[in-house]
Amino acid sequence: MRINMQKFLIVGLFWALSSGALAHQTAAHKHAPLVPIPEYDKSYGVAGGASAYQGAMAFLSVLSEDEKAKIIYAIDAKARAGWSNLPAKMVKRGGLKLGDLSDQQIAVLFNFLSASLSEDGYQTVAETLAAEAVLSMDKKAKRLQWNPKNYWLGFYGTPSSKGQWGWQFGGHHLGINMAIENGVISSLSPTFVGTEPATFEYKGQRYEPVRDMHKAGLDLLHTLSASQQLSAALSEGFRDIITGPGEDGFIPDLQGTRVADFSPEQKTMLLNTIRQWVDIQPDENATLRMVELTAELDDMYFAWYGEKDGTGDNYFRIQGPTLIIEMLSQANNVGASTQGLGHYHTIYRNVTNEYGGQKKSITLTP
């Protein structure tokens, strides 16, 4: 997931906002190119809950009252569970859209994301938008609204240094849900990361979003004995991940091989695989989360479907008392121009701490 931020994909994409799609009452204007997004910014110090609060207040300060009303929801608002990985055409999202903001507001928004995510997590956002910029040139782009301007930020609860609040940033192939309590990040769950294309070159730069997640699971599979591989193997694959958007509260049956039977080296590789998702958030919570997950290793299961060389449709799931990670590599692409270039869907869930513990109230809110 690590790439040189200096060499991000440059797309000569200037936006003219349509008058019917404005989220605030301003005249239509053109934007500077969104991709590459600004470099990771450390002006608020070490990323974490306190920095996220500072970044959020700075972002709110450049919004109109109308825009503030559109971005701040009740902490248990139904919209919080309405996130999706689908293209903008197919689902309505809450919050403010990048394409409806001024260049100044967009810059401050990305500073907020820098303050709220690890550098790896910020690069995940950058790579997702770079892939979306490639899709924006596909012949299906206009119909499906594939465009890096079609990503939304929403706050759930009013940002504060005390109490609970959270934020959500997403669009096509991305849904980050972060919860903060008393100035400290408490949860990254649920968070969806995907991409199409998965492997591509543009302007001399090579991109392989999500590939490290896939490779980590594949490398682990190759260390399993024949009997472990047989135990891990699923009899059939899935058309999509099964605990994705709209599946809050669903716990699949445990499948696969027991991690309790892994060697110490295999357990280390499994933890390194899990880190691909956990480390999207800053160390503040990522370190604590990895301690929790290390303690429950022997109660986890690892399941796999697909060719052992990683070709074709590949799927793996890591599941334990508090964890669900799914990774699906699809052989078929949606875009006409991206056939054969890969298509990934992944999900990370802490099933005991979804939306910072607000899952039940979200489900029941009318």
Foldseek 3Di string as FASTA:
>chain_A
DDDDLVDWFDDQDKDFDDPVPAQDPDHTDIAGTPPPPDAQDQPLHAAWLQSLLVLVVVLVVPDDPSLVVQFEAALLALLLLQDDQFAPLPGDHGADFQNNDHNVSSNSVLNSLSNWWPNLLSVLLSLQQSLLCVLCPFPCCVVRVSHSRGKGKHKHPDRDLAAKIWMWIGHHQWIWTWIDHNRGTDDRPKIKHKGPLQWDDDPRDTHHRPVVLVVLLLVLLVPDDPVQNVQQEDPDDDPADDCHRPNQPDDDDAGGGFLLPPDPVSLVSVLVSVCSPLNRGGCRVSVVVSVVCSVFRRQKHKHWYDDSVSPAWIWMWIDGPFWIKIKIKHQADDGPVRHRRIIIMMIIGRNCAHSRNSVVSSVVDD
